Amino acid sequence: MALDATIALGAETAYGTAASTVDGYEGKGDSWKTTREFMESVGFRTGLQTARADRRRIVDMGGEGEIECDVLDAGAATLFASAFDRHESKPAGKTTAHTFTSASTGSGKSFTAEMVRPKASGGVTAFRHVGCVATTVELTQEVGSPLAVKVAFDFQTVTHGAAALAPVYPAEAFPFDWTAGVVEFKQPGASAYTPLDVTKWTISAESGLKTDRRFVRANPLKKVPVRAAVPTYEGSIEAEFDDSTLAFYEAFIAGTVLSARITYTGATKASDGKSSGLVIEAPAIQFTGDSPEASIDEITVMELPFRILDPGNADALKLVYAEPTPLAAGG
């Protein structure tokens, strides 16, 4: 049954070398799919009916998958580490603050993702995907739902049949829900951020990696992906149209560059009284549209997508995740 399915992620010491320890995540679906291509040779031949069985060869092309889950206020550090270029951890008493940022170069890190699937006949089979490198990440929050994250991965290859690794889960963790979040913006020249009432926000990143690095080298497996294009960081907000959001529409049509900050306070407490939490900062954003939209049966609303830009003197995108330590109690 589906209750026996698990998804876990662990850092590798080298690309394609399976991790020995993994953190468990409460995934929302199973999208991990392997890709195979068939190399086929066909030419003129007397009596040929179709492609011959001995002229086809299957090639392991790796595959893709994603981890989609609610963000808990403990235990999400490995997942965030896979999605950002840089990661620093600083213990402070009974709390550890993890700082994840964008950078001009990729991290070069890879991960192992193990998807354990239950069989109708009973028992489970563990599918171990190695050489997992994050290609996109998206954080989403809307009224009525927990904060959600989705990280898409490219992987080098997958094996199955070995005993499943034991995923580590936080001893206690709570989702960041919409009641705990604050979205703020700062206009150019302003000294402080101003909160804005939004009904939904998203932040996404595309890493610009080249993932099909294959060579004539007596080995079909790809090499570690490397950055080949400028990464793209984007977001959007949805809000009611009023005096405060009119200012953001005007910022859009003027091309104004603002700063954005999103803050969450978690429910998990460390033994020294410190709370878990999450903060996202983008010092330079520029709205790319749109106009307010009126309706005959709803309040006038406005959706404003934006680009996250390089401010030149700070990280383009930073996420600080604080969790109590120790955080693990096993599955």
Foldseek 3Di string as FASTA:
>chain_A
DCVPKWKWKDWDPAFQHADQATATAPFDDWDWDWDKDKQFDDDDDPPDPDTDPVRIDIFGQFTKTKGKHFDWQPRCQRVLVLAAQDWDWDDDVQKIKIKGFHDPWHNLIWMKMWIWAADPVGDIKIKIFTRWHWFKKKWKAFPPFFIMMMTMTTTFHIDMDDDDRFHWYFPDIDTQHPVFKWKWKFFPPDPDTDTDDFRMKMKMKGQQWDDRQADPDPHRTHDRITHDDDMWIKMKTKDFDDPVCVVVQVQQVVFGWMKMKMKGWTDDAAPVGDTKIKMKIAGTKTWPDDDWDDDPPDGTMGMTMITQDDPPPDTRMMMMTMHGPPTTDTD
